[in-house]
Amino acid sequence: MKAGKLSNTVLKRSIFKRIKKRGDFLEEKPGAGSECAILNCENAKEVILSSASGRWPVYAAANHIAAKGGQLASVQCGIFLGETTEEAELKLVVSELERQCEKLGVPISGGHTQIVPASIKSLIQVTGVGFSSDRSKREKVKAGYELVAVGDIGVSGIRRIVELKQEEILQRYSQDVIDRAVGEERELLGIEAAEKAYKEGAVHVHAISQGGIYAALWNLSEYAGMGFDVDFRAIPVRQEIIELCEIFDVNPYELESVGAVLVVVEHGSAIVEEMKQMGLHAAVIGRMVEGNQKIIRNQEEIRYLDIPQPDELEKFSQEI
């Protein structure tokens, strides 16, 4: 396709035709000739926005909004594709975004699609628009409060690696090992976990995404203005994910983990039990501490967390 803005014919045929009106918030869906959609936020006290990219951008944006105590209402999609892209590929991109929206019962309320020069890498970015009717969920994090990790880390990242490298992986491991590593797609959604955590007394929830749990711990520390003391061995991670990561020299603790969340709560044991009853892996992995020390303990060994590194998926950037 030619560089520049798409024609109305392509927009209608490959984008608007695939976008469905759903959910309770969309009053008017976007279309050719209309630069806006209209949302009804009559009962909202806050509007919450979250942007995400990658393979699961709708899920990631929804998780971040849920972590702030909100509900995803719609998504805005920015689609920038290279000149060598065929229209059939554009249809696949829109269909996948629409599929993720359908899973969550929300609409695509608009965005921007453009063909860019071939020298520029293609990019899909989603901005989730969410509403909250209760501002009381976000309280002050205090030293001594416990950190609970919910969901196995690295699931979304390992799913992407398997998509790219399955043949190579099958030379060393069986399909059964791969299936246990990638799990089910529902694990990429941390919405129910965030909602349940707040009901059980959480003062803050942080959705884990790019950069993995190490980046999430660092960002949580920066947000709270204090440090943490974490037991490395308590972090939930599947052995199968560790083994597949070893093939490609990937650190699972710095690997995209869409769907997993960190919960800050005064006492974490009750939340762990509630999450387990929901079929989710969960564990108290540490606590918040005064000061800026970001401590990771592995038995007698103590290390201090470094500034977050690029997500380990960047090692496969030429193939994504």
Protein backbone atom coordinates (compact mmCIF):
# COMPACT_ATOMS: atom_id res chain seq x y z
CA MET A 1 0.00 0.00 0.00
CA LYS A 2 1.10 3.59 -0.66
CA ALA A 3 2.52 5.72 2.13
CA GLY A 4 0.11 8.18 3.71
CA LYS A 5 -3.40 8.13 5.07
CA LEU A 6 -5.62 5.28 3.93
CA SER A 7 -8.38 5.97 1.45
CA ASN A 8 -12.00 5.89 2.63
CA THR A 9 -12.51 2.79 0.48
CA VAL A 10 -9.79 0.85 2.33
CA LEU A 11 -10.94 2.23 5.69
CA LYS A 12 -14.50 1.03 5.10
CA ARG A 13 -13.48 -2.33 3.63
CA SER A 14 -10.66 -3.32 5.98
CA ILE A 15 -11.34 -1.45 9.24
CA PHE A 16 -14.82 -0.06 9.85
CA LYS A 17 -16.51 -3.14 8.40
CA ARG A 18 -14.78 -5.22 11.11
CA ILE A 19 -15.47 -2.95 14.08
CA LYS A 20 -18.54 -3.92 16.10
CA LYS A 21 -20.56 -1.75 18.47
CA ARG A 22 -20.64 -3.39 21.91
CA GLY A 23 -20.66 -2.56 25.62
CA ASP A 24 -22.60 0.03 27.60
CA PHE A 25 -20.48 3.11 26.95
CA LEU A 26 -20.37 3.62 23.18
CA GLU A 27 -23.06 6.03 22.01
CA GLU A 28 -21.76 6.50 18.46
CA LYS A 29 -19.18 4.32 16.73
CA PRO A 30 -16.52 5.77 14.40
CA GLY A 31 -16.86 5.68 10.64
CA ALA A 32 -15.59 7.17 7.41
CA GLY A 33 -16.05 10.93 7.51
CA SER A 34 -16.29 11.00 11.31
CA GLU A 35 -13.17 11.81 13.33
CA CYS A 36 -14.75 10.98 16.70
CA ALA A 37 -16.75 8.40 18.60
CA ILE A 38 -19.03 9.36 21.49
CA LEU A 39 -18.86 7.65 24.88
CA ASN A 40 -21.40 7.87 27.67
CA CYS A 41 -19.63 8.36 31.03
CA GLU A 42 -22.64 9.55 33.01
CA ASN A 43 -21.82 7.64 36.23
CA ALA A 44 -18.03 8.02 36.13
CA LYS A 45 -16.02 10.05 38.61
CA GLU A 46 -12.76 9.54 36.77
CA VAL A 47 -11.58 8.80 33.27
CA ILE A 48 -8.53 6.49 33.22
CA LEU A 49 -6.30 6.20 30.14
CA SER A 50 -3.64 3.57 29.48
CA SER A 51 -1.56 2.95 26.35
CA ALA A 52 0.02 -0.35 25.33
CA SER A 53 1.68 -2.00 22.36
CA GLY A 54 2.94 -5.51 21.57
CA ARG A 55 1.08 -8.72 20.80
CA TRP A 56 -1.66 -8.24 23.41
CA PRO A 57 -2.21 -4.46 23.62
CA VAL A 58 -5.94 -4.52 24.41
CA TYR A 59 -5.44 -6.97 27.29
CA ALA A 60 -2.47 -4.98 28.64
CA ALA A 61 -4.40 -1.69 28.59
CA ALA A 62 -7.40 -3.33 30.27
CA ASN A 63 -5.18 -4.80 33.00
CA HIS A 64 -3.58 -1.43 33.76
CA ILE A 65 -6.97 0.28 34.00
CA ALA A 66 -8.30 -2.48 36.29
CA ALA A 67 -5.18 -2.05 38.45
CA LYS A 68 -6.26 1.57 38.99
CA GLY A 69 -9.72 0.43 40.04
CA GLY A 70 -11.36 1.23 36.72
CA GLN A 71 -13.27 -0.55 33.98
CA LEU A 72 -12.22 -0.53 30.33
CA ALA A 73 -14.89 1.15 28.20
CA SER A 74 -13.29 1.27 24.74
CA VAL A 75 -9.98 1.35 22.92
CA GLN A 76 -8.39 3.74 20.43
CA CYS A 77 -6.03 2.04 17.99
CA GLY A 78 -2.99 3.54 16.29
CA ILE A 79 -1.91 1.33 13.38
CA PHE A 80 1.24 2.27 11.47
CA LEU A 81 2.33 -0.22 8.80
CA GLY A 82 5.15 -0.27 6.27
CA GLU A 83 4.66 0.35 2.55
CA THR A 84 5.24 -3.33 1.79
CA THR A 85 2.18 -4.28 3.85
CA GLU A 86 -0.65 -5.85 1.85
CA GLU A 87 -4.24 -4.93 2.64
CA ALA A 88 -4.85 -8.52 3.73
CA GLU A 89 -2.32 -8.01 6.56
CA LEU A 90 -4.14 -4.87 7.67
CA LYS A 91 -7.36 -6.88 7.87
CA LEU A 92 -5.60 -9.45 10.06
CA VAL A 93 -4.31 -6.74 12.40
CA VAL A 94 -7.76 -5.18 12.79
CA SER A 95 -9.41 -8.58 13.20
CA GLU A 96 -7.00 -9.49 16.02
CA LEU A 97 -7.59 -6.20 17.83
CA GLU A 98 -11.33 -6.67 17.41
CA ARG A 99 -11.05 -10.26 18.71
CA GLN A 100 -9.32 -9.07 21.89
CA CYS A 101 -11.99 -6.38 22.31
CA GLU A 102 -14.74 -8.96 21.86
CA LYS A 103 -13.24 -11.07 24.66
CA LEU A 104 -13.59 -8.05 26.96
CA GLY A 105 -16.96 -6.88 25.66
CA VAL A 106 -15.66 -3.45 24.61
CA PRO A 107 -15.62 -1.63 21.26
CA ILE A 108 -12.92 0.01 19.21
CA SER A 109 -13.98 3.64 19.40
CA GLY A 110 -11.55 4.98 16.81
CA GLY A 111 -7.90 5.73 16.23
CA HIS A 112 -5.59 6.36 13.32
CA THR A 113 -4.23 4.13 10.55
CA GLN A 114 -1.41 5.15 8.26
CA ILE A 115 1.06 3.57 5.86
CA VAL A 116 4.59 4.75 6.67
CA PRO A 117 7.84 4.58 4.66
CA ALA A 118 9.29 1.09 4.49
CA SER A 119 12.32 2.14 6.55
CA ILE A 120 10.09 2.70 9.59
CA LYS A 121 9.13 -0.32 11.68
CA SER A 122 5.43 -1.16 11.88
CA LEU A 123 3.74 -0.26 15.16
CA ILE A 124 0.41 -1.13 16.73
CA GLN A 125 -0.52 0.95 19.76
CA VAL A 126 -3.73 0.88 21.75
CA THR A 127 -5.00 3.49 24.19
CA GLY A 128 -7.58 2.09 26.56
CA VAL A 129 -10.29 4.45 27.82
CA GLY A 130 -11.67 3.45 31.20
CA PHE A 131 -14.01 4.83 33.81
CA SER A 132 -14.05 4.62 37.59
CA SER A 133 -16.95 5.45 39.88
CA ASP A 134 -14.98 4.92 43.12
CA ARG A 135 -11.88 6.93 43.97
CA SER A 136 -11.38 5.18 47.33
CA LYS A 137 -9.48 2.19 45.91
CA ARG A 138 -6.10 3.90 45.66
CA GLU A 139 -4.69 4.41 49.15
CA LYS A 140 -1.22 5.20 50.44
CA VAL A 141 1.31 2.37 50.35
CA LYS A 142 3.03 1.96 53.73
CA ALA A 143 6.27 0.33 54.84
CA GLY A 144 5.64 -3.16 56.16
CA TYR A 145 2.75 -3.85 53.79
CA GLU A 146 3.17 -7.15 51.98
CA LEU A 147 3.69 -7.75 48.28
CA VAL A 148 1.63 -10.46 46.63
CA ALA A 149 2.36 -11.69 43.10
CA VAL A 150 -0.68 -13.09 41.30
CA GLY A 151 -0.30 -15.14 38.13
CA ASP A 152 2.77 -16.86 36.69
CA ILE A 153 5.29 -14.42 35.27
CA GLY A 154 6.47 -14.58 31.67
CA VAL A 155 3.36 -16.21 30.18
CA SER A 156 2.65 -13.60 27.50
CA GLY A 157 6.33 -13.35 26.62
CA ILE A 158 6.81 -17.09 26.28
CA ARG A 159 3.70 -17.28 24.11
CA ARG A 160 5.30 -14.80 21.72
CA ILE A 161 8.61 -16.66 21.72
CA VAL A 162 6.81 -19.92 20.93
CA GLU A 163 5.00 -18.22 18.04
CA LEU A 164 8.37 -17.23 16.59
CA LYS A 165 10.51 -20.24 17.54
CA GLN A 166 8.24 -23.27 17.88
CA GLU A 167 10.14 -25.45 15.39
CA GLU A 168 13.42 -24.77 17.15
CA ILE A 169 11.87 -25.47 20.56
CA LEU A 170 10.38 -28.77 19.36
CA GLN A 171 13.89 -30.01 18.62
CA ARG A 172 14.51 -30.05 22.39
CA TYR A 173 11.11 -30.26 24.09
CA SER A 174 7.79 -31.99 23.43
CA GLN A 175 4.59 -30.18 22.51
CA ASP A 176 3.27 -31.05 25.98
CA VAL A 177 6.04 -28.96 27.59
CA ILE A 178 5.23 -26.06 25.27
CA ASP A 179 1.51 -26.31 26.08
CA ARG A 180 2.19 -26.20 29.82
CA ALA A 181 4.46 -23.18 29.37
CA VAL A 182 2.03 -21.07 27.33
CA GLY A 183 -1.07 -22.06 29.33
CA GLU A 184 -4.42 -20.56 28.35
CA GLU A 185 -5.15 -17.15 26.85
CA ARG A 186 -7.36 -16.21 29.81
CA GLU A 187 -4.18 -16.00 31.90
CA LEU A 188 -3.30 -12.80 30.02
CA LEU A 189 -6.18 -11.02 31.75
CA GLY A 190 -5.50 -9.69 35.25
CA ILE A 191 -8.81 -7.84 35.55
CA GLU A 192 -10.57 -10.27 37.92
CA ALA A 193 -7.45 -10.57 40.05
CA ALA A 194 -7.25 -6.77 40.43
CA GLU A 195 -10.95 -6.48 41.27
CA LYS A 196 -10.74 -9.29 43.83
CA ALA A 197 -7.62 -7.82 45.40
CA TYR A 198 -9.34 -4.50 46.05
CA LYS A 199 -12.35 -6.28 47.54
CA GLU A 200 -9.99 -8.08 49.93
CA GLY A 201 -8.31 -4.90 51.16
CA ALA A 202 -5.51 -4.16 48.70
CA VAL A 203 -4.29 -0.58 48.80
CA HIS A 204 -2.59 -0.73 45.41
CA VAL A 205 -2.45 -3.07 42.40
CA HIS A 206 0.22 -2.88 39.71
CA ALA A 207 -0.31 -4.70 36.40
CA ILE A 208 2.87 -6.38 35.16
CA SER A 209 3.60 -6.04 31.44
CA GLN A 210 6.72 -5.11 29.44
CA GLY A 211 10.01 -5.59 31.26
CA GLY A 212 8.55 -8.34 33.43
CA ILE A 213 8.31 -8.51 37.19
CA TYR A 214 11.63 -6.76 37.76
CA ALA A 215 10.43 -3.68 35.87
CA ALA A 216 7.10 -3.85 37.72
CA LEU A 217 8.83 -3.98 41.11
CA TRP A 218 11.03 -1.03 40.18
CA ASN A 219 8.08 1.04 38.93
CA LEU A 220 5.99 0.17 41.99
CA SER A 221 8.86 1.31 44.21
CA GLU A 222 9.13 4.60 42.32
CA TYR A 223 5.36 5.13 42.56
CA ALA A 224 5.25 4.40 46.30
CA GLY A 225 8.42 6.36 47.12
CA MET A 226 9.91 3.49 49.13
CA GLY A 227 11.87 0.29 48.68
CA PHE A 228 11.06 -3.40 48.91
CA ASP A 229 12.51 -6.67 50.17
CA VAL A 230 11.55 -9.62 47.92
CA ASP A 231 12.22 -13.36 48.16
CA PHE A 232 13.32 -14.41 44.66
CA ARG A 233 12.25 -18.03 45.22
CA ALA A 234 8.67 -17.02 46.05
CA ILE A 235 7.99 -15.38 42.67
CA PRO A 236 5.49 -17.59 40.77
CA VAL A 237 7.05 -18.92 37.54
CA ARG A 238 6.52 -22.22 35.74
CA GLN A 239 9.47 -24.53 35.40
CA GLU A 240 8.53 -25.01 31.73
CA ILE A 241 8.88 -21.27 31.14
CA ILE A 242 12.32 -21.28 32.77
CA GLU A 243 13.43 -24.19 30.57
CA LEU A 244 12.22 -22.61 27.32
CA CYS A 245 13.84 -19.30 28.27
CA GLU A 246 17.18 -21.04 28.78
CA ILE A 247 17.25 -22.07 25.11
CA PHE A 248 17.42 -18.43 24.02
CA ASP A 249 19.32 -16.99 27.00
CA VAL A 250 16.19 -15.13 28.12
CA ASN A 251 15.68 -13.94 31.71
CA PRO A 252 12.05 -14.83 32.61
CA TYR A 253 12.05 -12.15 35.31
CA GLU A 254 12.61 -9.48 32.64
CA LEU A 255 10.16 -11.01 30.17
CA GLU A 256 6.78 -9.50 29.28
CA SER A 257 4.18 -10.77 31.76
CA VAL A 258 0.78 -9.43 30.65
CA GLY A 259 -1.91 -10.82 32.97
CA ALA A 260 0.17 -11.07 36.14
CA VAL A 261 -0.26 -8.42 38.84
CA LEU A 262 1.49 -7.18 41.97
CA VAL A 263 -0.74 -6.46 44.95
CA VAL A 264 0.17 -4.32 47.96
CA VAL A 265 -1.85 -5.18 51.06
CA GLU A 266 -1.34 -5.02 54.81
CA HIS A 267 -1.62 -8.80 55.20
CA GLY A 268 -1.31 -10.94 52.05
CA SER A 269 -2.27 -14.47 53.15
CA ALA A 270 -6.04 -13.95 52.74
CA ILE A 271 -5.61 -12.60 49.20
CA VAL A 272 -3.34 -15.53 48.30
CA GLU A 273 -6.06 -17.98 49.38
CA GLU A 274 -8.76 -16.07 47.52
CA MET A 275 -6.69 -16.08 44.34
CA LYS A 276 -5.99 -19.80 44.63
CA GLN A 277 -9.73 -20.42 44.91
CA MET A 278 -10.07 -18.53 41.61
CA GLY A 279 -7.55 -20.94 40.08
CA LEU A 280 -4.70 -18.40 40.06
CA HIS A 281 -1.17 -18.95 41.30
CA ALA A 282 -0.37 -16.42 44.02
CA ALA A 283 2.25 -15.94 46.72
CA VAL A 284 3.48 -13.38 49.23
CA ILE A 285 6.87 -12.51 47.76
CA GLY A 286 8.03 -9.77 50.11
CA ARG A 287 7.17 -6.45 51.67
CA MET A 288 7.58 -2.72 51.21
CA VAL A 289 10.35 -1.07 53.28
CA GLU A 290 11.42 2.43 54.23
CA GLY A 291 14.12 4.00 52.08
CA ASN A 292 15.10 3.29 48.48
CA GLN A 293 16.70 -0.14 48.74
CA LYS A 294 15.29 -2.59 46.19
CA ILE A 295 16.37 -5.91 47.66
CA ILE A 296 16.08 -9.32 45.97
CA ARG A 297 16.97 -12.23 48.28
CA ASN A 298 17.89 -15.71 47.06
CA GLN A 299 18.52 -17.71 50.25
CA GLU A 300 21.70 -16.18 51.71
CA GLU A 301 22.49 -14.15 48.59
CA ILE A 302 21.33 -10.53 48.52
CA ARG A 303 21.32 -8.34 45.42
CA TYR A 304 19.89 -4.92 44.66
CA LEU A 305 17.63 -4.48 41.67
CA ASP A 306 19.06 -2.44 38.81
CA ILE A 307 17.24 0.09 36.65
CA PRO A 308 14.81 -1.85 34.39
CA GLN A 309 16.35 -3.32 31.27
CA PRO A 310 14.63 -3.57 27.85
CA ASP A 311 12.11 -6.39 27.73
CA GLU A 312 13.71 -9.69 26.78
CA LEU A 313 11.43 -9.87 23.73
CA GLU A 314 13.67 -7.18 22.23
CA LYS A 315 16.16 -9.99 21.55
CA PHE A 316 13.69 -11.12 18.86
CA SER A 317 12.93 -7.62 17.53
CA GLN A 318 14.09 -8.44 14.00
CA GLU A 319 11.52 -11.26 13.83
CA ILE A 320 8.53 -9.55 15.47
